[in-house]
Amino acid sequence: MIELPVEIYTTEEVRELDRIAIAQPGISAYELMCRAGDAALACVQRHWPEKKRLSIFCGAGNNGGDGYVLARLAAAVGLDARVISVTAPERLTGAAATAWRDFRAAGGKTEIPNGELLFGDDLIVDALVGTGLDRELDGFNLAAVTSMNAVSNPVLSLDIPTGLHADTGVPMGSAVHADVTITFVGLKLGLFLGLASDYRGTLEFSDLGIPEEVYTQRTHTLERLSLRVLREALPPRRPSSNKGSHGSLLLVGGSPGMVGAILLAAEAAMRAGAGIVRIATHSESTAGIFSARPEIITCAIDQPVDLDTLIESANAVVVGPGLGQSDWARGLMERVLASELPVVLDADGLNLLAKQHRQRDNWILTPHPGEAARLLQCDVAAIQADRQQAVLDLVDRYRASIVLKGANSLIGSPASEGVAICDRGNPGMAAAGMGDVLAGIVGAVRVQTGDDLTALRVGVLLHALAGDTAAEDGQRGLLARDLMPHIRRWSNPV
C-alpha cells in the first residue's frame, strides 16, 4: 500500500494501464492478480490484526480472482478463509480461473450461498463484481450485497465496493457499504464522484508494482489536490517582508442584517495571510464589524462611486458575502466588475450574476449546487447527476475559474484542461457561513500568489483541511468560526 496518487482515471483508462503493464516482460494478468491478493492481505493485517476468520465473497470475473488469491494467501498465514462463490468456479476463465485452481490445489473449498448466511465475528471481504458493472445488481450478486449490508461485521471491498458504478459513483440499485476499500492500479472516478463517499469507507491504494513509465503512457481524467499545492504556493515568508508584501484584499458585502457573512470572510482572509484586509459595507453594518474584529479596516459605502478609492488600493476583490440583492448591492457589484481587478464572486454575487449573464477575464466563481443550477439555468438534480460536466459548462459559459462546492468539491478553469477534485473536508462543514469563509480564504491566496487557478486550488484545499482539523472533536455542531485557528495553521504548511 502506498500514499494515494493525484491521478484519477476512468474505467477504460485503468483497463488501458492494465493492458500496457501486462505487455511488459515478466508481468502477466495472473501476476497482477497475485499482487492484488498480497496487497489485500496486508490491508487485512493492518486494519484488523485481531481477525482470524475471513468470509470472502467471490464473483465471476477478475475481482473474484483477487478474492481467491487473498483466500489462498490468508490460509497460508494461518487465517481461516471461507469462500462464498456466487457463481460456479468451473465457469471462471483466464487469470481468475487460474486463481481458483491454485486456491483449490492449496486445499481451499468454496460454498454456494443457500439461505441465510451466518458470519460470526468474521471479516467480510467483497470480491464480487469490481469495475465491470454496467447495469443494476440482481440475482446472487444482489443477494450477497444485501447479506453483507445486513450485518455489523467490518467489510473490506477489493478495488471498488460492489454495486458502485466505477465512473459515476452512483449505486446501481444497491451497493456494499465498505469500511475499507483497497483499489488497484489506478484510482477510479467512481471512488470520488456521486455517492462514493457514503460507500467506500477508508480508501487505500496499491499500484501492484507497475513501473512508473506505464503511467506516463496514459492520460488521467481528474486530479486530486495534494498537500504539495499548499507547500508550493505558500512558502515561508522572507524575514524582511511587511504587510504590504502580502497583498491587499477588498471584501464587498454585509448589507443590514447580514454583517456576519462579510465578517467571517474577512477574518478568514486575515487568517489565510492577506497582508491588508478592508471591508466595504453598508453604513448600518460598520459598528458590528468594528466591535467584532478591530484588525479589519471597515469603510461605509453609500454609493457605488465610493468604492473607487478602495478598488484602486486593492489587488483583488471578494464580492457577495452578505451582499443582498438590493439596488445598493447590484450597484456595488457592477462597480467592481467594471474594474480590471481579479474578483472572487460568491453568495449573492452569484445570485445577481444568474439574473444577468456576463463573461469576464480574471474572476473566480464559488457556487454550491443550487447556485450552479441558477447559473446554468437548470435544476439541482442535473448538476448533481454529472458534477464534472457542470464544472466544465460553468467554465465555458462564464469564462471563469470555478469551484463547485459540496462533498468532493470540483475545480475547473480556462487555464486548465482538466478538472481537479478536493477529497478532504467533512459533513460537519455543511453549516452556515462555511462558504463565506472559503471566499475569504480564496481571496487571500489570490492576493498572495497572483493567480486565479492557484488561489482556487490552494484555497479549497486549505479550507477543507482546516475543517477536518476543526472536526477532530466531532462533526456535529461545527461552526464556521471554529475553522479560524486551523486556517492559520494550514496557511503555514511544513
Protein backbone atom coordinates (compact mmCIF):
# COMPACT_ATOMS: atom_id res chain seq x y z
CA MET A 1 0.00 0.00 0.00
CA ILE A 2 1.34 3.44 -0.96
CA GLU A 3 0.11 7.00 -0.48
CA LEU A 4 -2.83 7.91 -2.69
CA PRO A 5 -1.64 9.32 -6.02
CA VAL A 6 -3.08 12.51 -7.50
CA GLU A 7 -4.23 10.95 -10.79
CA ILE A 8 -7.81 9.62 -11.07
CA TYR A 9 -8.89 7.55 -14.08
CA THR A 10 -11.97 6.33 -15.89
CA THR A 11 -12.59 2.58 -16.01
CA GLU A 12 -11.35 2.41 -19.58
CA GLU A 13 -8.18 4.33 -18.69
CA VAL A 14 -7.40 1.84 -15.91
CA ARG A 15 -8.00 -1.06 -18.27
CA GLU A 16 -5.53 0.52 -20.67
CA LEU A 17 -2.99 0.78 -17.83
CA ASP A 18 -3.55 -2.94 -17.20
CA ARG A 19 -3.00 -3.73 -20.88
CA ILE A 20 0.19 -1.68 -21.05
CA ALA A 21 1.52 -3.26 -17.83
CA ILE A 22 0.78 -6.83 -18.99
CA ALA A 23 2.70 -6.12 -22.17
CA GLN A 24 5.81 -5.60 -20.03
CA PRO A 25 8.19 -8.57 -19.69
CA GLY A 26 7.52 -10.62 -16.56
CA ILE A 27 4.09 -9.13 -15.74
CA SER A 28 1.15 -11.37 -16.59
CA ALA A 29 -2.50 -10.85 -15.74
CA TYR A 30 -2.20 -13.55 -13.09
CA GLU A 31 0.92 -11.94 -11.65
CA LEU A 32 -1.01 -8.69 -11.19
CA MET A 33 -3.85 -10.67 -9.58
CA CYS A 34 -1.42 -12.28 -7.14
CA ARG A 35 0.00 -8.88 -6.27
CA ALA A 36 -3.53 -7.61 -5.65
CA GLY A 37 -4.22 -10.53 -3.31
CA ASP A 38 -0.98 -9.85 -1.47
CA ALA A 39 -1.84 -6.14 -1.09
CA ALA A 40 -5.32 -7.09 0.15
CA LEU A 41 -3.86 -9.44 2.79
CA ALA A 42 -1.53 -6.69 4.01
CA CYS A 43 -4.57 -4.40 4.25
CA VAL A 44 -6.43 -7.01 6.33
CA GLN A 45 -3.50 -7.42 8.70
CA ARG A 46 -3.07 -3.66 9.01
CA HIS A 47 -6.68 -2.83 9.81
CA TRP A 48 -7.93 -5.98 11.55
CA PRO A 49 -4.94 -7.78 13.09
CA GLU A 50 -7.27 -9.46 15.60
CA LYS A 51 -9.43 -11.12 12.92
CA LYS A 52 -8.72 -14.82 12.44
CA ARG A 53 -11.57 -15.67 10.09
CA LEU A 54 -12.50 -14.18 6.72
CA SER A 55 -15.71 -14.65 4.74
CA ILE A 56 -14.76 -13.81 1.16
CA PHE A 57 -17.48 -13.31 -1.47
CA CYS A 58 -16.06 -14.16 -4.89
CA GLY A 59 -17.74 -13.23 -8.17
CA ALA A 60 -17.42 -14.36 -11.75
CA GLY A 61 -14.64 -12.07 -13.01
CA ASN A 62 -11.19 -10.84 -12.10
CA ASN A 63 -12.48 -9.27 -8.89
CA GLY A 64 -13.44 -12.78 -7.80
CA GLY A 65 -9.98 -13.93 -8.85
CA ASP A 66 -8.47 -11.37 -6.48
CA GLY A 67 -10.65 -12.87 -3.75
CA TYR A 68 -9.43 -16.41 -4.45
CA VAL A 69 -5.81 -15.27 -4.28
CA LEU A 70 -6.50 -13.50 -0.99
CA ALA A 71 -8.13 -16.64 0.41
CA ARG A 72 -5.13 -18.79 -0.55
CA LEU A 73 -2.62 -16.33 0.91
CA ALA A 74 -4.66 -15.83 4.08
CA ALA A 75 -4.82 -19.58 4.69
CA ALA A 76 -1.06 -19.77 4.19
CA VAL A 77 -0.50 -17.41 7.13
CA GLY A 78 -2.91 -19.27 9.41
CA LEU A 79 -6.19 -17.45 8.85
CA ASP A 80 -9.43 -19.31 8.31
CA ALA A 81 -10.58 -18.22 4.85
CA ARG A 82 -14.15 -19.12 3.98
CA VAL A 83 -15.01 -18.54 0.32
CA ILE A 84 -18.60 -17.92 -0.76
CA SER A 85 -18.90 -18.11 -4.54
CA VAL A 86 -21.91 -16.57 -6.27
CA THR A 87 -21.03 -18.36 -9.49
CA ALA A 88 -19.79 -21.88 -10.24
CA PRO A 89 -15.97 -21.64 -10.09
CA GLU A 90 -15.71 -24.02 -13.03
CA ARG A 91 -17.12 -21.26 -15.24
CA LEU A 92 -14.24 -18.87 -14.49
CA THR A 93 -11.83 -18.02 -17.29
CA GLY A 94 -8.38 -16.50 -17.68
CA ALA A 95 -6.44 -15.36 -14.64
CA ALA A 96 -9.49 -15.77 -12.38
CA ALA A 97 -9.69 -19.46 -13.30
CA THR A 98 -6.00 -19.87 -12.50
CA ALA A 99 -6.56 -18.17 -9.13
CA TRP A 100 -9.37 -20.59 -8.28
CA ARG A 101 -7.35 -23.66 -9.35
CA ASP A 102 -4.41 -22.58 -7.20
CA PHE A 103 -6.76 -21.94 -4.27
CA ARG A 104 -8.27 -25.42 -4.69
CA ALA A 105 -4.83 -27.04 -5.07
CA ALA A 106 -3.83 -25.48 -1.74
CA GLY A 107 -6.79 -27.21 -0.07
CA GLY A 108 -9.32 -24.42 -0.35
CA LYS A 109 -13.03 -25.08 -0.70
CA THR A 110 -15.93 -22.93 -1.83
CA GLU A 111 -19.54 -22.80 -0.78
CA ILE A 112 -22.56 -21.61 -2.73
CA PRO A 113 -24.89 -19.27 -0.82
CA ASN A 114 -28.02 -21.16 0.20
CA GLY A 115 -30.40 -19.49 2.59
CA GLU A 116 -29.29 -17.24 5.45
CA LEU A 117 -25.54 -16.72 5.82
CA LEU A 118 -24.02 -16.60 9.31
CA PHE A 119 -20.76 -14.67 9.75
CA GLY A 120 -19.95 -14.80 13.47
CA ASP A 121 -17.02 -12.47 14.11
CA ASP A 122 -15.72 -12.75 10.53
CA LEU A 123 -14.21 -10.00 8.49
CA ILE A 124 -16.26 -9.87 5.28
CA VAL A 125 -14.40 -9.37 2.01
CA ASP A 126 -16.28 -8.10 -1.03
CA ALA A 127 -14.70 -9.51 -4.22
CA LEU A 128 -17.87 -9.79 -6.24
CA VAL A 129 -18.00 -7.52 -9.27
CA GLY A 130 -15.36 -4.79 -9.31
CA THR A 131 -15.27 -2.16 -12.04
CA GLY A 132 -17.12 -4.08 -14.72
CA LEU A 133 -20.66 -3.36 -13.53
CA ASP A 134 -22.81 -1.62 -16.17
CA ARG A 135 -26.35 -2.48 -15.02
CA GLU A 136 -28.27 -2.75 -11.77
CA LEU A 137 -27.38 -5.61 -9.46
CA ASP A 138 -29.63 -8.64 -9.50
CA GLY A 139 -29.68 -12.33 -8.66
CA PHE A 140 -26.96 -13.78 -6.43
CA ASN A 141 -24.89 -10.58 -6.57
CA LEU A 142 -27.74 -8.52 -5.18
CA ALA A 143 -28.48 -11.15 -2.53
CA ALA A 144 -24.82 -11.19 -1.49
CA VAL A 145 -24.67 -7.40 -1.21
CA THR A 146 -27.86 -7.43 0.85
CA SER A 147 -26.33 -10.05 3.16
CA MET A 148 -23.17 -8.01 3.67
CA ASN A 149 -25.07 -4.83 4.41
CA ALA A 150 -27.46 -6.56 6.83
CA VAL A 151 -24.80 -7.37 9.43
CA SER A 152 -22.47 -5.26 11.56
CA ASN A 153 -19.29 -7.11 10.57
CA PRO A 154 -16.49 -4.97 9.10
CA VAL A 155 -16.26 -5.12 5.31
CA LEU A 156 -13.25 -4.82 3.03
CA SER A 157 -14.00 -4.18 -0.65
CA LEU A 158 -11.45 -5.09 -3.30
CA ASP A 159 -10.96 -2.43 -5.99
CA ILE A 160 -14.41 -0.83 -5.58
CA PRO A 161 -17.50 -1.62 -3.48
CA THR A 162 -19.73 -3.93 -5.47
CA GLY A 163 -22.68 -2.03 -6.92
CA LEU A 164 -20.93 1.33 -7.12
CA HIS A 165 -20.51 2.45 -10.73
CA ALA A 166 -16.79 2.82 -11.36
CA ASP A 167 -17.14 6.00 -13.43
CA THR A 168 -20.00 7.85 -11.75
CA GLY A 169 -20.04 6.73 -8.11
CA VAL A 170 -23.78 6.05 -8.43
CA PRO A 171 -25.11 2.88 -6.71
CA MET A 172 -26.52 0.51 -9.30
CA GLY A 173 -29.67 -0.42 -7.41
CA SER A 174 -27.67 -1.31 -4.29
CA ALA A 175 -24.03 -1.22 -3.23
CA VAL A 176 -21.78 -2.57 -0.49
CA HIS A 177 -21.12 -0.25 2.44
CA ALA A 178 -17.41 -0.91 2.94
CA ASP A 179 -15.36 0.07 5.96
CA VAL A 180 -12.19 -0.01 3.86
CA THR A 181 -11.69 -0.18 0.11
CA ILE A 182 -8.33 -1.04 -1.37
CA THR A 183 -8.16 -0.18 -5.05
CA PHE A 184 -5.54 -1.31 -7.54
CA VAL A 185 -3.51 0.06 -10.48
CA GLY A 186 -5.26 3.45 -10.63
CA LEU A 187 -7.77 5.46 -8.63
CA LYS A 188 -11.22 5.24 -10.21
CA LEU A 189 -13.61 8.15 -10.79
CA GLY A 190 -16.39 6.23 -9.09
CA LEU A 191 -14.49 6.28 -5.80
CA PHE A 192 -14.75 10.09 -5.68
CA LEU A 193 -17.89 11.14 -7.57
CA GLY A 194 -21.60 10.67 -6.90
CA LEU A 195 -22.32 9.00 -3.56
CA ALA A 196 -18.96 7.23 -3.36
CA SER A 197 -18.02 8.72 -0.01
CA ASP A 198 -21.09 7.05 1.55
CA TYR A 199 -19.92 3.60 0.44
CA ARG A 200 -16.15 3.34 0.09
CA GLY A 201 -15.04 3.88 3.70
CA THR A 202 -11.32 4.44 4.16
CA LEU A 203 -9.61 4.36 0.78
CA GLU A 204 -6.26 2.69 0.22
CA PHE A 205 -4.29 2.13 -2.98
CA SER A 206 -1.72 -0.24 -4.40
CA ASP A 207 -0.08 0.23 -7.79
CA LEU A 208 0.81 -3.50 -7.76
CA GLY A 209 4.41 -2.67 -8.58
CA ILE A 210 3.57 -1.42 -12.08
CA PRO A 211 6.55 0.54 -13.46
CA GLU A 212 6.25 4.32 -13.45
CA GLU A 213 6.77 4.51 -17.20
CA VAL A 214 3.45 2.72 -17.71
CA TYR A 215 1.61 5.65 -16.14
CA THR A 216 3.30 8.16 -18.42
CA GLN A 217 1.64 6.46 -21.39
CA ARG A 218 -1.93 7.10 -20.22
CA THR A 219 -3.73 10.37 -19.51
CA HIS A 220 -6.00 10.77 -16.49
CA THR A 221 -9.38 12.47 -16.14
CA LEU A 222 -9.28 14.02 -12.66
CA GLU A 223 -6.54 15.22 -10.35
CA ARG A 224 -6.62 15.05 -6.56
CA LEU A 225 -5.39 18.10 -4.69
CA SER A 226 -2.40 17.12 -2.56
CA LEU A 227 -0.52 18.91 0.20
CA ARG A 228 2.12 19.77 -2.35
CA VAL A 229 -0.08 22.55 -3.73
CA LEU A 230 -0.01 24.28 -0.32
CA ARG A 231 3.74 23.93 0.08
CA GLU A 232 4.45 25.28 -3.39
CA ALA A 233 2.08 28.25 -3.17
CA LEU A 234 2.64 29.27 0.46
CA PRO A 235 6.39 29.12 1.18
CA PRO A 236 7.87 30.60 4.37
CA ARG A 237 7.91 34.39 4.33
CA ARG A 238 11.03 36.44 3.89
CA PRO A 239 12.31 37.94 7.15
CA SER A 240 12.28 41.39 5.55
CA SER A 241 8.62 41.25 4.45
CA ASN A 242 5.88 43.56 5.73
CA LYS A 243 2.10 43.60 5.47
CA GLY A 244 2.32 45.34 2.12
CA SER A 245 4.32 42.39 0.80
CA HIS A 246 1.38 40.02 1.06
CA GLY A 247 -1.36 41.72 -0.86
CA SER A 248 -4.33 43.97 -0.25
CA LEU A 249 -7.78 42.38 -0.35
CA LEU A 250 -11.09 44.25 -0.51
CA LEU A 251 -14.31 42.49 0.53
CA VAL A 252 -17.66 43.92 -0.53
CA GLY A 253 -20.86 42.90 1.25
CA GLY A 254 -22.58 42.98 4.62
CA SER A 255 -25.92 44.62 3.94
CA PRO A 256 -28.04 45.40 7.04
CA GLY A 257 -28.78 42.23 8.98
CA MET A 258 -26.10 40.18 7.15
CA VAL A 259 -22.90 41.55 8.62
CA GLY A 260 -21.85 38.11 9.91
CA ALA A 261 -21.14 36.78 6.42
CA ILE A 262 -18.72 39.51 5.40
CA LEU A 263 -17.09 39.41 8.83
CA LEU A 264 -16.44 35.66 8.52
CA ALA A 265 -14.98 36.11 5.04
CA ALA A 266 -12.71 38.95 6.16
CA GLU A 267 -11.44 37.17 9.26
CA ALA A 268 -10.73 34.05 7.18
CA ALA A 269 -8.78 36.20 4.74
CA MET A 270 -6.66 37.56 7.57
CA ARG A 271 -6.07 34.07 8.98
CA ALA A 272 -5.04 32.90 5.50
CA GLY A 273 -2.36 35.57 5.33
CA ALA A 274 -3.65 38.52 3.31
CA GLY A 275 -1.47 41.48 4.26
CA ILE A 276 -4.19 44.15 4.27
CA VAL A 277 -7.91 43.41 4.56
CA ARG A 278 -10.60 46.02 4.00
CA ILE A 279 -14.37 45.66 4.11
CA ALA A 280 -16.64 47.89 2.05
CA THR A 281 -20.06 47.63 3.65
CA HIS A 282 -23.33 49.36 4.34
CA SER A 283 -23.13 52.23 6.81
CA GLU A 284 -25.53 50.41 9.15
CA SER A 285 -23.13 47.44 9.35
CA THR A 286 -19.86 49.13 10.28
CA ALA A 287 -20.38 49.22 14.04
CA GLY A 288 -20.84 45.46 14.24
CA ILE A 289 -17.60 44.81 12.36
CA PHE A 290 -15.59 47.33 14.38
CA SER A 291 -16.64 45.72 17.65
CA ALA A 292 -16.11 42.13 16.49
CA ARG A 293 -12.76 42.39 14.73
CA PRO A 294 -10.87 45.69 15.14
CA GLU A 295 -7.98 44.48 12.95
CA ILE A 296 -10.17 44.82 9.84
CA ILE A 297 -10.32 48.19 8.10
CA THR A 298 -14.02 48.92 7.63
CA CYS A 299 -15.42 51.52 5.23
CA ALA A 300 -19.04 52.67 4.97
CA ILE A 301 -20.24 52.76 1.36
CA ASP A 302 -23.42 54.61 0.46
CA GLN A 303 -22.97 54.91 -3.31
CA PRO A 304 -21.12 52.71 -5.81
CA VAL A 305 -18.76 55.56 -6.68
CA ASP A 306 -17.50 55.47 -3.09
CA LEU A 307 -15.76 52.18 -3.95
CA ASP A 308 -13.35 53.72 -6.44
CA THR A 309 -10.61 54.70 -3.98
CA LEU A 310 -10.77 51.28 -2.29
CA ILE A 311 -10.59 49.49 -5.64
CA GLU A 312 -7.51 51.49 -6.58
CA SER A 313 -5.69 50.32 -3.44
CA ALA A 314 -6.66 46.62 -3.73
CA ASN A 315 -5.04 43.68 -5.50
CA ALA A 316 -8.26 41.62 -5.62
CA VAL A 317 -11.89 41.85 -4.50
CA VAL A 318 -14.28 39.38 -2.88
CA VAL A 319 -17.90 40.24 -3.68
CA GLY A 320 -21.01 38.58 -2.30
CA PRO A 321 -20.96 37.53 1.37
CA GLY A 322 -24.00 39.16 2.96
CA LEU A 323 -24.35 41.46 -0.08
CA GLY A 324 -28.08 41.01 -0.63
CA GLN A 325 -29.79 41.68 -3.94
CA SER A 326 -30.95 45.26 -3.48
CA ASP A 327 -30.21 48.15 -5.82
CA TRP A 328 -27.35 49.08 -3.45
CA ALA A 329 -25.91 45.58 -3.77
CA ARG A 330 -26.30 45.47 -7.55
CA GLY A 331 -24.63 48.87 -7.93
CA LEU A 332 -21.62 47.84 -5.85
CA MET A 333 -21.15 44.60 -7.76
CA GLU A 334 -21.34 46.35 -11.12
CA ARG A 335 -18.75 48.89 -9.98
CA VAL A 336 -16.36 46.11 -9.01
CA LEU A 337 -16.89 44.09 -12.18
CA ALA A 338 -16.25 47.19 -14.28
CA SER A 339 -12.73 47.32 -12.87
CA GLU A 340 -9.84 45.19 -14.07
CA LEU A 341 -9.15 43.69 -10.64
CA PRO A 342 -9.30 39.94 -10.02
CA VAL A 343 -12.68 39.13 -8.45
CA VAL A 344 -13.94 36.28 -6.27
CA LEU A 345 -17.72 36.11 -6.66
CA ASP A 346 -19.74 34.27 -4.01
CA ALA A 347 -23.22 34.03 -2.45
CA ASP A 348 -25.48 36.91 -3.53
CA GLY A 349 -22.89 37.95 -6.08
CA LEU A 350 -23.63 34.66 -7.85
CA ASN A 351 -27.38 35.15 -7.50
CA LEU A 352 -27.11 38.58 -9.12
CA LEU A 353 -24.94 37.15 -11.89
CA ALA A 354 -27.51 34.45 -12.61
CA LYS A 355 -30.02 37.18 -13.42
CA GLN A 356 -27.74 38.85 -15.95
CA HIS A 357 -25.22 36.62 -17.70
CA ARG A 358 -21.79 38.03 -18.47
CA GLN A 359 -18.27 36.87 -19.16
CA ARG A 360 -15.14 38.38 -17.71
CA ASP A 361 -11.46 37.60 -17.58
CA ASN A 362 -9.71 37.15 -14.27
CA TRP A 363 -12.52 36.06 -11.98
CA ILE A 364 -13.44 33.15 -9.72
CA LEU A 365 -16.95 31.81 -9.07
CA THR A 366 -17.67 29.66 -6.00
CA PRO A 367 -21.19 28.17 -6.36
CA HIS A 368 -22.82 25.42 -4.36
CA PRO A 369 -25.14 23.14 -6.40
CA GLY A 370 -28.16 25.42 -6.00
CA GLU A 371 -26.25 28.46 -7.21
CA ALA A 372 -24.70 26.42 -10.02
CA ALA A 373 -28.17 25.38 -11.15
CA ARG A 374 -29.25 29.02 -11.33
CA LEU A 375 -26.09 29.97 -13.23
CA LEU A 376 -26.69 27.20 -15.78
CA GLN A 377 -30.47 27.61 -15.82
CA CYS A 378 -31.18 24.01 -14.89
CA ASP A 379 -32.21 22.12 -11.75
CA VAL A 380 -30.02 20.89 -8.90
CA ALA A 381 -30.61 17.25 -9.85
CA ALA A 382 -28.98 17.89 -13.23
CA ILE A 383 -25.95 19.44 -11.54
CA GLN A 384 -25.53 16.57 -9.10
CA ALA A 385 -26.07 13.92 -11.78
CA ASP A 386 -22.85 14.99 -13.53
CA ARG A 387 -20.89 17.42 -11.38
CA GLN A 388 -17.80 17.15 -13.54
CA GLN A 389 -19.68 18.26 -16.66
CA ALA A 390 -21.38 21.02 -14.68
CA VAL A 391 -17.98 22.48 -13.81
CA LEU A 392 -16.88 22.37 -17.44
CA ASP A 393 -20.15 24.02 -18.51
CA LEU A 394 -19.70 26.81 -15.95
CA VAL A 395 -16.13 27.43 -17.09
CA ASP A 396 -17.30 27.66 -20.69
CA ARG A 397 -20.36 29.82 -20.01
CA TYR A 398 -18.67 32.39 -17.76
CA ARG A 399 -15.00 32.08 -18.83
CA ALA A 400 -14.20 31.84 -15.12
CA SER A 401 -12.29 29.66 -12.70
CA ILE A 402 -14.94 27.59 -10.90
CA VAL A 403 -15.27 25.58 -7.72
CA LEU A 404 -18.45 23.52 -7.48
CA LYS A 405 -18.75 23.13 -3.73
CA GLY A 406 -20.00 20.07 -1.88
CA ALA A 407 -18.67 16.67 -0.92
CA ASN A 408 -15.54 16.28 -3.07
CA SER A 409 -15.54 19.82 -4.46
CA LEU A 410 -14.54 20.10 -8.11
CA ILE A 411 -12.37 22.81 -9.67
CA GLY A 412 -12.12 23.87 -13.30
CA SER A 413 -10.57 26.82 -15.09
CA PRO A 414 -9.89 28.22 -18.56
CA ALA A 415 -6.22 27.90 -17.58
CA SER A 416 -6.50 24.12 -17.13
CA GLU A 417 -7.79 21.46 -19.49
CA GLY A 418 -8.68 19.05 -16.71
CA VAL A 419 -10.71 19.14 -13.52
CA ALA A 420 -9.28 18.88 -10.01
CA ILE A 421 -11.02 17.37 -7.01
CA CYS A 422 -10.65 18.02 -3.30
CA ASP A 423 -11.34 14.83 -1.38
CA ARG A 424 -10.77 16.44 2.03
CA GLY A 425 -13.48 18.05 4.17
CA ASN A 426 -16.33 16.51 6.14
CA PRO A 427 -20.14 16.65 6.62
CA GLY A 428 -19.76 18.93 9.62
CA MET A 429 -18.82 21.68 7.19
CA ALA A 430 -22.37 21.74 5.83
CA ALA A 431 -23.07 24.71 8.07
CA ALA A 432 -23.94 28.38 7.74
CA GLY A 433 -21.01 30.63 6.90
CA MET A 434 -18.65 27.97 5.56
CA GLY A 435 -18.94 29.36 2.03
CA ASP A 436 -18.13 32.86 3.29
CA VAL A 437 -15.02 31.50 4.96
CA LEU A 438 -13.96 29.82 1.72
CA ALA A 439 -14.44 33.01 -0.28
CA GLY A 440 -12.22 34.91 2.14
CA ILE A 441 -9.50 32.26 2.00
CA VAL A 442 -9.53 32.17 -1.81
CA GLY A 443 -9.30 35.95 -1.94
CA ALA A 444 -6.39 35.94 0.49
CA VAL A 445 -4.48 33.35 -1.51
CA ARG A 446 -5.22 35.28 -4.71
CA VAL A 447 -3.54 38.46 -3.45
CA GLN A 448 -0.55 36.45 -2.22
CA THR A 449 0.02 34.32 -5.33
CA GLY A 450 -1.33 36.45 -8.17
CA ASP A 451 -3.02 33.54 -9.97
CA ASP A 452 -6.71 32.58 -10.15
CA LEU A 453 -6.29 28.82 -10.52
CA THR A 454 -3.65 28.62 -7.79
CA ALA A 455 -5.85 30.66 -5.48
CA LEU A 456 -8.77 28.32 -6.06
CA ARG A 457 -6.82 25.08 -5.70
CA VAL A 458 -4.96 26.22 -2.60
CA GLY A 459 -7.96 27.95 -1.06
CA VAL A 460 -10.30 24.99 -1.44
CA LEU A 461 -7.77 22.53 -0.03
CA LEU A 462 -6.78 24.83 2.84
CA HIS A 463 -10.45 25.33 3.76
CA ALA A 464 -11.12 21.58 3.71
CA LEU A 465 -8.05 20.75 5.80
CA ALA A 466 -8.99 23.40 8.36
CA GLY A 467 -12.47 21.90 8.51
CA ASP A 468 -11.10 18.40 9.06
CA THR A 469 -8.83 19.61 11.85
CA ALA A 470 -11.67 21.55 13.47
CA ALA A 471 -13.88 18.44 13.33
CA GLU A 472 -11.45 16.20 15.21
CA ASP A 473 -13.60 16.67 18.32
CA GLY A 474 -16.78 15.88 16.39
CA GLN A 475 -18.52 16.95 13.19
CA ARG A 476 -21.93 17.68 14.62
CA GLY A 477 -22.15 21.25 15.88
CA LEU A 478 -19.15 22.52 13.91
CA LEU A 479 -19.30 26.29 13.33
CA ALA A 480 -17.70 28.26 10.53
CA ARG A 481 -15.75 30.32 13.05
CA ASP A 482 -14.26 27.13 14.52
CA LEU A 483 -12.05 26.94 11.41
CA MET A 484 -10.21 30.19 12.08
CA PRO A 485 -7.22 28.94 14.14
CA HIS A 486 -6.81 25.98 11.79
CA ILE A 487 -6.81 28.21 8.71
CA ARG A 488 -3.79 29.90 10.21
CA ARG A 489 -2.15 26.51 10.86
CA TRP A 490 -2.64 25.22 7.31
CA SER A 491 -1.60 28.56 5.82
CA ASN A 492 1.84 27.81 7.21
CA PRO A 493 2.46 24.33 5.76
CA VAL A 494 5.53 22.45 6.89
